[in-house]
Amino acid sequence: MKLFNCSIAGLLIAAGALCISAEEMFDEDALFADTNMTVDSASLVDNQRIIGDSQKTTVGFSGTVNSVAEVAFSRSFFDELKRKEIIPSAYIVNNLMLDVRMAQDVKAFSNLELTFRPDSSVFDINLQELFLDFNVKRMVYFRTGKQVLQWGRCYFWNPTDLINIEKKTIEPQIGYREGAYGVKMHIPFGTKYNIYGFADMKRLTSVDSMAGAIKGEMLIGTTEIGAALWGKHDRKPVFGIDFSTRLLDFDITGEMSLESGDNISVIKGLHKNEPMLEFMNRVARGDKEIDLNAKADKDVVPKICLGISRSFDLLEVKDRVTIITEFFLNQAGVEGDFYDEHDVKALFDALAKDTSGKMGDQLNSLRTRFSRPNEFSRYYVSLFTTVNKFIIPEIVLQLNSIINIEQSAAVLIGSLQYTTLHNLFAGLTVSGAIGGGETEYTMFGNALSCRLNIGINF
């Protein structure tokens, strides 16, 4: 808590000291941009209906409607060709965005997401973002409310990001990421130096439940370097560094977080090759050897992501092809082929059959712990390929893959995205899981899925 209080105090002192002079010009919109793999919702103003004088107050309304149909094929389907192994689904998503801009760069933005699923007649309403931007003499910038933040430089994995609620997805996202609630501050020193701070209030029930982060960035030639510190009352501080640079024609990015083993919960008392259900029976009997929330026996737990990307000209089209590859080292991950060794699937099957809730909160907690996509193991590698103007100018081809090295498993994604000049869009996404036995990507019998979507921007 002392670390968090000192961080907030330091931010306030720095803010006051900076309200004296402005340096070089910069793009204020870019300062608060999100590195979402799809689109930053706050930047969707091209098609909005504008009301008001742009020098005073403007009100913009925009949105999307996206109708989706999916079909999934299990591994058993390809063995037995039974129709019951085909699982169809359908839903429609509507995002309604309001953008209010006033003089002195005062702004407000909201993104309301509505989802309807006809199979269960469930109608969900989620507020993805709702925030207010204001500044002090264009020297200190604030954003307060529910927001998706840019925190980290790598494309897919961001080990320094302990703030955002939703992780990035490997497939083209339907809808938008949900924001975290808090107050962000940005102090620019021209274009070469920046200080960021964030007071995280997403689970605010007491003073001790608040988390805080502070980050400094500096630009040296074509290299940008950042260092960050995250703190909370009941957690040891987490230190992070990141960088981005350009070498020859390659863009290189990297992130590393360092945290205490006291922050990492591990299972103590699980025997080698012991089925998870048998282990939970020992938990129910009160076996004193077992601790479901033991601390990792490590002083420092690093998480590292390194990425390299390059764009290529093709058939006289500049930067038509972009290739990004990343390697992720996660020392908080689980060693070996854990799912197979401990028959974790049987645990999930038991949870699915338990409608009474008697399995208990501990079992559900384990299910959450075993369901960390693309971060469960220690070593991963990814490849993302994008081809713009594929066949015709309106089509974008994406070929993405992630490999879990320890489990010898992978997920492969191919998608075509078509957008017309009249704001009509359509997409086809095909996903496949590869791996023998129970792995992160095949544990539920997943083999192949196809998704077709069509929608409009307005």
Protein backbone atom coordinates (compact mmCIF):
# COMPACT_ATOMS: atom_id res chain seq x y z
CA MET A 1 0.00 0.00 0.00
CA LYS A 2 2.93 2.36 0.78
CA LEU A 3 4.25 1.80 -2.73
CA PHE A 4 0.87 2.62 -4.23
CA ASN A 5 0.45 5.80 -2.12
CA CYS A 6 3.95 6.96 -3.02
CA SER A 7 3.24 6.37 -6.71
CA ILE A 8 0.04 8.43 -6.61
CA ALA A 9 1.75 11.21 -4.65
CA GLY A 10 4.60 11.30 -7.12
CA LEU A 11 2.16 11.58 -10.02
CA LEU A 12 0.34 14.49 -8.42
CA ILE A 13 3.58 16.35 -7.70
CA ALA A 14 4.78 15.79 -11.26
CA ALA A 15 1.46 17.02 -12.63
CA GLY A 16 1.66 20.24 -10.67
CA ALA A 17 5.26 20.88 -11.65
CA LEU A 18 4.48 20.42 -15.33
CA CYS A 19 1.72 23.02 -15.55
CA ILE A 20 4.22 25.70 -16.59
CA SER A 21 5.20 25.29 -20.25
CA ALA A 22 4.44 23.22 -23.36
CA GLU A 23 7.05 21.87 -25.75
CA GLU A 24 6.71 20.19 -29.14
CA MET A 25 3.36 19.43 -30.72
CA PHE A 26 1.99 15.88 -30.57
CA ASP A 27 -1.09 13.91 -31.56
CA GLU A 28 -3.22 13.81 -28.43
CA ASP A 29 -5.57 11.20 -29.87
CA ALA A 30 -2.68 8.77 -30.35
CA LEU A 31 -1.61 9.15 -26.73
CA PHE A 32 -4.71 7.39 -25.50
CA ALA A 33 -5.01 4.91 -28.36
CA ASP A 34 -5.45 1.22 -27.66
CA THR A 35 -3.31 -1.43 -29.32
CA ASN A 36 -6.37 -3.62 -29.85
CA MET A 37 -5.75 -6.08 -32.69
CA THR A 38 -9.02 -5.02 -34.31
CA VAL A 39 -9.91 -1.34 -34.04
CA ASP A 40 -9.75 1.21 -31.25
CA SER A 41 -13.42 1.97 -30.65
CA ALA A 42 -12.71 5.57 -29.73
CA SER A 43 -11.28 6.19 -33.20
CA LEU A 44 -14.42 5.10 -35.08
CA VAL A 45 -15.63 8.53 -36.09
CA ASP A 46 -15.39 8.34 -39.87
CA ASN A 47 -18.99 7.23 -40.37
CA GLN A 48 -20.64 8.91 -37.43
CA ARG A 49 -23.42 11.41 -37.68
CA ILE A 50 -22.03 14.75 -36.46
CA ILE A 51 -24.19 17.36 -34.77
CA GLY A 52 -22.82 20.76 -33.77
CA ASP A 53 -19.98 23.18 -34.49
CA SER A 54 -16.57 21.48 -34.63
CA GLN A 55 -15.02 24.55 -32.95
CA LYS A 56 -17.40 24.20 -30.04
CA THR A 57 -19.28 21.00 -29.36
CA THR A 58 -19.87 18.05 -31.67
CA VAL A 59 -21.89 14.96 -30.99
CA GLY A 60 -21.12 11.88 -33.06
CA PHE A 61 -23.10 8.66 -33.20
CA SER A 62 -21.76 5.52 -34.86
CA GLY A 63 -21.95 1.78 -34.51
CA THR A 64 -21.90 -1.68 -36.00
CA VAL A 65 -24.33 -4.55 -36.43
CA ASN A 66 -22.69 -7.95 -36.89
CA SER A 67 -24.64 -11.19 -37.48
CA VAL A 68 -22.67 -14.37 -36.80
CA ALA A 69 -23.21 -18.06 -37.56
CA GLU A 70 -20.77 -20.72 -36.36
CA VAL A 71 -20.41 -24.47 -36.67
CA ALA A 72 -17.92 -26.59 -34.72
CA PHE A 73 -16.80 -30.14 -35.48
CA SER A 74 -15.41 -32.37 -32.74
CA ARG A 75 -12.64 -34.90 -33.22
CA SER A 76 -15.21 -37.67 -32.85
CA PHE A 77 -17.09 -36.34 -35.88
CA PHE A 78 -14.17 -37.12 -38.19
CA ASP A 79 -13.94 -40.62 -36.70
CA GLU A 80 -17.62 -41.54 -36.69
CA LEU A 81 -19.30 -38.90 -38.92
CA LYS A 82 -22.21 -38.50 -36.49
CA ARG A 83 -24.40 -35.40 -36.72
CA LYS A 84 -24.51 -34.99 -32.93
CA GLU A 85 -20.81 -34.14 -33.06
CA ILE A 86 -21.64 -31.00 -35.08
CA ILE A 87 -22.42 -28.03 -32.85
CA PRO A 88 -24.04 -25.02 -34.56
CA SER A 89 -24.58 -21.60 -32.97
CA ALA A 90 -25.73 -18.15 -34.02
CA TYR A 91 -25.85 -14.70 -32.48
CA ILE A 92 -25.96 -11.04 -33.42
CA VAL A 93 -23.91 -8.21 -31.89
CA ASN A 94 -24.71 -4.51 -31.98
CA ASN A 95 -22.30 -1.81 -30.82
CA LEU A 96 -23.62 1.70 -30.27
CA MET A 97 -20.97 4.39 -29.86
CA LEU A 98 -21.40 7.98 -28.77
CA ASP A 99 -18.55 10.48 -29.20
CA VAL A 100 -18.91 13.98 -27.70
CA ARG A 101 -16.16 16.52 -28.37
CA MET A 102 -15.99 19.98 -26.86
CA ALA A 103 -13.60 22.91 -26.87
CA GLN A 104 -10.19 22.53 -25.19
CA ASP A 105 -10.03 18.84 -26.14
CA VAL A 106 -12.67 17.79 -23.65
CA LYS A 107 -14.23 14.54 -24.85
CA ALA A 108 -16.60 11.82 -23.76
CA PHE A 109 -17.06 8.41 -25.33
CA SER A 110 -19.29 5.40 -24.73
CA ASN A 111 -19.53 1.96 -26.34
CA LEU A 112 -22.60 -0.09 -25.52
CA GLU A 113 -22.59 -3.69 -26.75
CA LEU A 114 -25.78 -5.70 -27.18
CA THR A 115 -25.73 -9.43 -27.93
CA PHE A 116 -28.65 -11.73 -28.67
CA ARG A 117 -28.37 -15.54 -28.78
CA PRO A 118 -31.48 -17.24 -30.24
CA ASP A 119 -30.65 -20.73 -28.89
CA SER A 120 -31.30 -19.59 -25.31
CA SER A 121 -33.16 -16.32 -26.01
CA VAL A 122 -30.47 -14.59 -23.94
CA PHE A 123 -30.11 -10.86 -24.48
CA ASP A 124 -26.91 -9.39 -23.01
CA ILE A 125 -26.14 -5.72 -22.57
CA ASN A 126 -22.55 -4.81 -21.75
CA LEU A 127 -20.95 -1.40 -21.37
CA GLN A 128 -17.56 -1.94 -22.96
CA GLU A 129 -16.27 1.59 -22.50
CA LEU A 130 -17.49 4.85 -20.96
CA PHE A 131 -14.94 7.56 -20.27
CA LEU A 132 -14.26 11.28 -20.13
CA ASP A 133 -11.12 13.05 -21.41
CA PHE A 134 -9.95 16.40 -20.08
CA ASN A 135 -6.64 18.17 -19.61
CA VAL A 136 -4.87 20.89 -17.70
CA LYS A 137 -3.68 23.50 -20.23
CA ARG A 138 -2.81 20.67 -22.67
CA MET A 139 0.11 19.73 -20.42
CA VAL A 140 -1.45 17.01 -18.28
CA TYR A 141 -4.07 14.74 -19.81
CA PHE A 142 -6.63 12.68 -17.93
CA ARG A 143 -9.05 9.94 -18.89
CA THR A 144 -11.48 8.75 -16.24
CA GLY A 145 -13.97 5.90 -16.56
CA LYS A 146 -14.11 2.48 -18.15
CA GLN A 147 -11.43 2.28 -20.82
CA VAL A 148 -9.18 -0.04 -22.84
CA LEU A 149 -5.58 1.05 -22.41
CA GLN A 150 -2.40 0.81 -24.41
CA TRP A 151 0.00 -0.85 -21.97
CA GLY A 152 2.72 -2.83 -23.67
CA ARG A 153 4.27 -2.89 -27.13
CA CYS A 154 4.07 -6.45 -28.39
CA TYR A 155 1.37 -7.52 -30.80
CA PHE A 156 -0.28 -10.43 -28.99
CA TRP A 157 1.30 -11.07 -25.59
CA ASN A 158 1.71 -8.15 -23.19
CA PRO A 159 3.33 -9.40 -19.97
CA THR A 160 3.64 -5.84 -18.67
CA ASP A 161 -0.13 -5.29 -18.94
CA LEU A 162 -1.69 -6.01 -15.56
CA ILE A 163 -4.53 -3.53 -16.15
CA ASN A 164 -6.74 -4.50 -19.10
CA ILE A 165 -9.51 -6.99 -18.34
CA GLU A 166 -9.73 -8.83 -21.66
CA LYS A 167 -6.78 -10.47 -23.38
CA LYS A 168 -6.30 -10.16 -27.11
CA THR A 169 -7.71 -12.94 -29.27
CA ILE A 170 -5.96 -14.77 -32.09
CA GLU A 171 -9.06 -14.74 -34.32
CA PRO A 172 -10.69 -11.56 -35.69
CA GLN A 173 -12.74 -10.25 -32.80
CA ILE A 174 -16.51 -9.90 -32.90
CA GLY A 175 -17.42 -6.82 -30.91
CA TYR A 176 -14.97 -4.90 -28.77
CA ARG A 177 -12.80 -5.51 -25.72
CA GLU A 178 -14.15 -4.58 -22.31
CA GLY A 179 -12.38 -1.73 -20.56
CA ALA A 180 -11.02 -1.48 -17.02
CA TYR A 181 -12.37 1.20 -14.69
CA GLY A 182 -9.96 3.81 -13.42
CA VAL A 183 -8.21 7.13 -13.98
CA LYS A 184 -5.36 7.46 -16.45
CA MET A 185 -2.94 10.37 -16.45
CA HIS A 186 -0.46 11.27 -19.17
CA ILE A 187 2.26 13.92 -18.94
CA PRO A 188 4.10 14.49 -22.24
CA PHE A 189 7.50 16.17 -22.36
CA GLY A 190 7.33 17.09 -26.03
CA THR A 191 7.55 13.96 -28.17
CA LYS A 192 10.60 12.35 -26.55
CA TYR A 193 9.50 11.70 -22.99
CA ASN A 194 6.23 10.61 -21.42
CA ILE A 195 4.96 9.73 -17.98
CA TYR A 196 1.79 7.65 -17.55
CA GLY A 197 -0.13 6.71 -14.45
CA PHE A 198 -3.23 4.66 -13.84
CA ALA A 199 -5.34 4.29 -10.70
CA ASP A 200 -7.13 0.95 -11.13
CA MET A 201 -10.60 0.91 -9.54
CA LYS A 202 -12.23 -2.02 -11.31
CA ARG A 203 -12.84 -3.95 -8.06
CA LEU A 204 -13.00 -1.00 -5.69
CA THR A 205 -14.51 -2.08 -2.37
CA SER A 206 -12.02 -0.45 -0.01
CA VAL A 207 -8.88 1.68 -0.08
CA ASP A 208 -6.75 -1.46 -0.03
CA SER A 209 -8.52 -2.90 -3.08
CA MET A 210 -7.21 -0.14 -5.36
CA ALA A 211 -4.21 -0.88 -7.59
CA GLY A 212 -1.88 1.59 -9.23
CA ALA A 213 0.65 1.69 -12.06
CA ILE A 214 3.18 4.26 -13.21
CA LYS A 215 5.20 4.19 -16.42
CA GLY A 216 7.91 6.32 -17.99
CA GLU A 217 8.90 6.33 -21.67
CA MET A 218 11.74 7.89 -23.60
CA LEU A 219 12.60 8.08 -27.30
CA ILE A 220 16.24 7.71 -28.36
CA GLY A 221 16.56 7.94 -32.12
CA THR A 222 14.26 5.24 -33.49
CA THR A 223 14.19 3.31 -30.21
CA GLU A 224 11.50 3.83 -27.60
CA ILE A 225 12.06 2.42 -24.11
CA GLY A 226 9.62 2.22 -21.23
CA ALA A 227 9.77 1.18 -17.58
CA ALA A 228 6.72 0.54 -15.40
CA LEU A 229 5.84 -0.35 -11.82
CA TRP A 230 2.54 -1.88 -10.66
CA GLY A 231 1.46 -2.17 -7.04
CA LYS A 232 -1.41 -3.24 -4.81
CA HIS A 233 -1.87 -3.62 -1.06
CA ASP A 234 -1.88 -7.43 -0.91
CA ARG A 235 0.59 -8.07 -3.74
CA LYS A 236 4.31 -7.59 -4.17
CA PRO A 237 5.24 -4.91 -6.74
CA VAL A 238 5.60 -5.94 -10.39
CA PHE A 239 8.33 -4.30 -12.47
CA GLY A 240 8.11 -4.09 -16.24
CA ILE A 241 10.24 -2.86 -19.12
CA ASP A 242 9.47 -2.68 -22.83
CA PHE A 243 11.06 -1.39 -25.99
CA SER A 244 10.44 -0.96 -29.70
CA THR A 245 12.99 -0.23 -32.38
CA ARG A 246 13.66 -0.59 -36.09
CA LEU A 247 16.64 -2.51 -37.46
CA LEU A 248 17.10 -2.53 -41.22
CA ASP A 249 13.55 -3.18 -42.47
CA PHE A 250 12.40 -5.02 -39.34
CA ASP A 251 10.34 -3.71 -36.43
CA ILE A 252 11.47 -5.29 -33.15
CA THR A 253 9.48 -5.17 -29.92
CA GLY A 254 10.00 -6.64 -26.49
CA GLU A 255 8.44 -6.74 -23.03
CA MET A 256 9.48 -8.23 -19.72
CA SER A 257 7.76 -8.31 -16.35
CA LEU A 258 9.39 -9.37 -13.09
CA GLU A 259 7.33 -10.29 -10.07
CA SER A 260 7.80 -12.07 -6.78
CA GLY A 261 6.93 -15.74 -6.44
CA ASP A 262 4.65 -14.65 -3.59
CA ASN A 263 2.28 -13.29 -6.26
CA ILE A 264 1.98 -16.69 -8.00
CA SER A 265 -0.42 -19.33 -6.66
CA VAL A 266 0.56 -22.97 -7.26
CA ILE A 267 -0.85 -26.33 -6.18
CA LYS A 268 1.11 -28.17 -3.50
CA GLY A 269 0.58 -31.86 -2.86
CA LEU A 270 -0.41 -33.02 -6.35
CA HIS A 271 1.38 -36.30 -7.05
CA LYS A 272 2.98 -37.19 -10.37
CA ASN A 273 0.43 -38.72 -12.80
CA GLU A 274 -2.37 -38.36 -10.22
CA PRO A 275 -5.78 -37.82 -11.89
CA MET A 276 -7.24 -34.48 -10.93
CA LEU A 277 -10.51 -35.98 -9.67
CA GLU A 278 -8.63 -38.27 -7.28
CA PHE A 279 -6.68 -35.27 -6.10
CA MET A 280 -9.92 -33.38 -5.41
CA ASN A 281 -11.19 -36.36 -3.38
CA ARG A 282 -8.12 -35.94 -1.18
CA VAL A 283 -8.94 -32.24 -0.90
CA ALA A 284 -12.46 -33.13 0.25
CA ARG A 285 -11.02 -35.47 2.89
CA GLY A 286 -8.91 -32.65 4.29
CA ASP A 287 -5.49 -34.01 3.31
CA LYS A 288 -3.03 -31.73 5.13
CA GLU A 289 -0.38 -32.29 2.47
CA ILE A 290 -2.45 -30.25 0.02
CA ASP A 291 -2.37 -26.48 -0.39
CA LEU A 292 -4.34 -25.12 -3.36
CA ASN A 293 -2.89 -21.64 -2.94
CA ALA A 294 0.76 -22.24 -2.12
CA LYS A 295 3.28 -19.66 -3.23
CA ALA A 296 5.72 -20.34 -6.04
CA ASP A 297 9.14 -21.34 -4.76
CA LYS A 298 10.89 -18.62 -6.77
CA ASP A 299 12.28 -15.25 -5.75
CA VAL A 300 11.59 -13.67 -9.14
CA VAL A 301 9.20 -14.90 -11.86
CA PRO A 302 9.91 -13.42 -15.31
CA LYS A 303 7.56 -13.22 -18.27
CA ILE A 304 9.18 -12.20 -21.55
CA CYS A 305 7.83 -11.54 -25.04
CA LEU A 306 10.01 -10.78 -28.05
CA GLY A 307 8.54 -9.90 -31.43
CA ILE A 308 9.77 -9.13 -34.92
CA SER A 309 7.72 -7.91 -37.86
CA ARG A 310 8.16 -6.71 -41.39
CA SER A 311 5.97 -5.48 -44.22
CA PHE A 312 6.63 -6.43 -47.85
CA ASP A 313 5.64 -4.91 -51.16
CA LEU A 314 3.87 -7.33 -53.51
CA LEU A 315 2.71 -6.84 -57.11
CA GLU A 316 3.40 -3.09 -56.97
CA VAL A 317 1.31 -2.64 -53.82
CA LYS A 318 3.29 -1.09 -50.96
CA ASP A 319 3.28 -2.99 -47.65
CA ARG A 320 0.78 -5.48 -49.00
CA VAL A 321 2.02 -8.34 -46.80
CA THR A 322 2.82 -8.03 -43.09
CA ILE A 323 4.37 -10.84 -41.07
CA ILE A 324 4.67 -10.77 -37.27
CA THR A 325 6.21 -13.47 -35.11
CA GLU A 326 6.54 -13.53 -31.32
CA PHE A 327 8.09 -15.78 -28.70
CA PHE A 328 6.60 -15.86 -25.20
CA LEU A 329 8.45 -17.15 -22.13
CA ASN A 330 6.14 -17.54 -19.14
CA GLN A 331 7.95 -18.75 -16.02
CA ALA A 332 4.63 -18.61 -14.15
CA GLY A 333 3.34 -21.31 -16.51
CA VAL A 334 2.95 -25.01 -15.77
CA GLU A 335 5.76 -27.38 -16.69
CA GLY A 336 5.25 -30.32 -19.04
CA ASP A 337 2.11 -31.86 -20.51
CA PHE A 338 -0.04 -31.18 -17.43
CA TYR A 339 -3.48 -31.80 -18.98
CA ASP A 340 -2.59 -35.32 -20.11
CA GLU A 341 -0.59 -36.25 -17.03
CA HIS A 342 -3.41 -35.39 -14.61
CA ASP A 343 -6.47 -36.08 -16.81
CA VAL A 344 -7.78 -32.56 -16.37
CA LYS A 345 -10.55 -33.20 -18.90
CA ALA A 346 -12.29 -35.51 -16.42
CA LEU A 347 -12.41 -32.60 -14.00
CA PHE A 348 -14.09 -30.36 -16.57
CA ASP A 349 -16.52 -33.14 -17.51
CA ALA A 350 -17.52 -33.55 -13.86
CA LEU A 351 -18.11 -29.82 -13.54
CA ALA A 352 -20.26 -29.82 -16.68
CA LYS A 353 -22.47 -32.61 -15.24
CA ASP A 354 -22.79 -31.03 -11.80
CA THR A 355 -25.97 -28.93 -11.88
CA SER A 356 -26.34 -28.79 -8.10
CA GLY A 357 -23.20 -26.80 -7.44
CA LYS A 358 -21.97 -29.40 -4.92
CA MET A 359 -18.56 -29.58 -6.56
CA GLY A 360 -17.69 -26.51 -4.57
CA ASP A 361 -15.97 -23.19 -5.08
CA GLN A 362 -12.52 -24.76 -4.87
CA LEU A 363 -13.18 -26.96 -7.88
CA ASN A 364 -14.53 -24.03 -9.88
CA SER A 365 -11.45 -22.05 -8.88
CA LEU A 366 -9.27 -24.80 -10.31
CA ARG A 367 -11.24 -24.74 -13.55
CA THR A 368 -10.48 -21.02 -13.87
CA ARG A 369 -6.82 -21.68 -13.13
CA PHE A 370 -6.63 -24.36 -15.83
CA SER A 371 -8.35 -22.15 -18.42
CA ARG A 372 -5.75 -19.50 -19.25
CA PRO A 373 -5.63 -19.61 -23.03
CA ASN A 374 -2.19 -19.10 -24.54
CA GLU A 375 -0.62 -18.51 -21.11
CA PHE A 376 -1.02 -21.83 -19.28
CA SER A 377 2.37 -23.32 -20.24
CA ARG A 378 5.86 -21.85 -20.22
CA TYR A 379 6.85 -21.59 -23.90
CA TYR A 380 4.83 -20.32 -26.87
CA VAL A 381 5.54 -19.03 -30.35
CA SER A 382 3.14 -17.25 -32.71
CA LEU A 383 2.98 -16.22 -36.35
CA PHE A 384 0.57 -13.63 -37.79
CA THR A 385 0.38 -12.99 -41.54
CA THR A 386 -1.81 -10.32 -43.14
CA VAL A 387 -2.27 -9.83 -46.89
CA ASN A 388 -4.07 -6.63 -47.85
CA LYS A 389 -5.91 -6.30 -51.16
CA PHE A 390 -6.03 -10.08 -51.49
CA ILE A 391 -7.35 -10.91 -54.99
CA ILE A 392 -9.47 -7.73 -54.95
CA PRO A 393 -8.84 -4.46 -53.05
CA GLU A 394 -11.72 -5.03 -50.62
CA ILE A 395 -10.47 -8.36 -49.18
CA VAL A 396 -7.93 -8.88 -46.37
CA LEU A 397 -6.48 -12.36 -45.76
CA GLN A 398 -5.18 -13.32 -42.31
CA LEU A 399 -3.28 -16.50 -41.41
CA ASN A 400 -2.53 -16.78 -37.68
CA SER A 401 -1.09 -19.55 -35.52
CA ILE A 402 0.03 -20.13 -31.93
CA ILE A 403 2.11 -23.11 -30.85
CA ASN A 404 2.30 -24.39 -27.27
CA ILE A 405 5.81 -25.80 -27.43
CA GLU A 406 5.70 -27.88 -24.23
CA GLN A 407 2.43 -29.59 -25.13
CA SER A 408 3.25 -29.97 -28.85
CA ALA A 409 -0.12 -28.40 -29.65
CA ALA A 410 -1.22 -25.55 -31.87
CA VAL A 411 -4.20 -23.55 -33.01
CA LEU A 412 -4.42 -22.35 -36.64
CA ILE A 413 -6.68 -19.55 -37.85
CA GLY A 414 -7.44 -18.47 -41.40
CA SER A 415 -9.80 -15.61 -42.19
CA LEU A 416 -11.04 -13.51 -45.09
CA GLN A 417 -12.47 -10.08 -44.30
CA TYR A 418 -14.41 -8.21 -47.00
CA THR A 419 -15.40 -4.54 -46.69
CA THR A 420 -17.26 -2.47 -49.29
CA LEU A 421 -17.24 1.26 -49.84
CA HIS A 422 -20.82 1.30 -48.56
CA ASN A 423 -19.81 0.13 -45.05
CA LEU A 424 -21.02 -3.42 -45.58
CA PHE A 425 -18.58 -6.08 -44.36
CA ALA A 426 -18.40 -9.86 -44.25
CA GLY A 427 -15.97 -12.39 -42.87
CA LEU A 428 -15.15 -16.07 -43.01
CA THR A 429 -12.95 -17.56 -40.27
CA VAL A 430 -11.77 -21.17 -40.08
CA SER A 431 -10.05 -22.46 -36.91
CA GLY A 432 -8.29 -25.75 -36.35
CA ALA A 433 -6.69 -27.35 -33.27
CA ILE A 434 -3.69 -29.65 -33.55
CA GLY A 435 -2.28 -31.88 -30.82
CA GLY A 436 -2.38 -35.42 -29.50
CA GLY A 437 -4.19 -36.37 -26.30
CA GLU A 438 -5.34 -33.71 -23.87
CA THR A 439 -3.71 -30.37 -24.60
CA GLU A 440 -4.61 -26.75 -24.12
CA TYR A 441 -6.21 -26.62 -27.56
CA THR A 442 -7.68 -30.13 -27.86
CA MET A 443 -8.88 -30.93 -24.34
CA PHE A 444 -12.54 -30.39 -25.18
CA GLY A 445 -12.37 -32.44 -28.35
CA ASN A 446 -12.05 -29.39 -30.59
CA ALA A 447 -11.01 -30.13 -34.15
CA LEU A 448 -12.41 -27.59 -36.59
CA SER A 449 -14.76 -24.61 -36.49
CA CYS A 450 -16.10 -22.25 -39.14
CA ARG A 451 -17.53 -18.81 -38.55
CA LEU A 452 -19.38 -16.64 -41.05
CA ASN A 453 -20.33 -13.06 -40.20
CA ILE A 454 -21.91 -10.20 -42.08
CA GLY A 455 -22.64 -6.71 -40.88
CA ILE A 456 -22.63 -2.97 -41.40
CA ASN A 457 -20.85 0.06 -40.01
CA PHE A 458 -22.89 3.21 -39.63
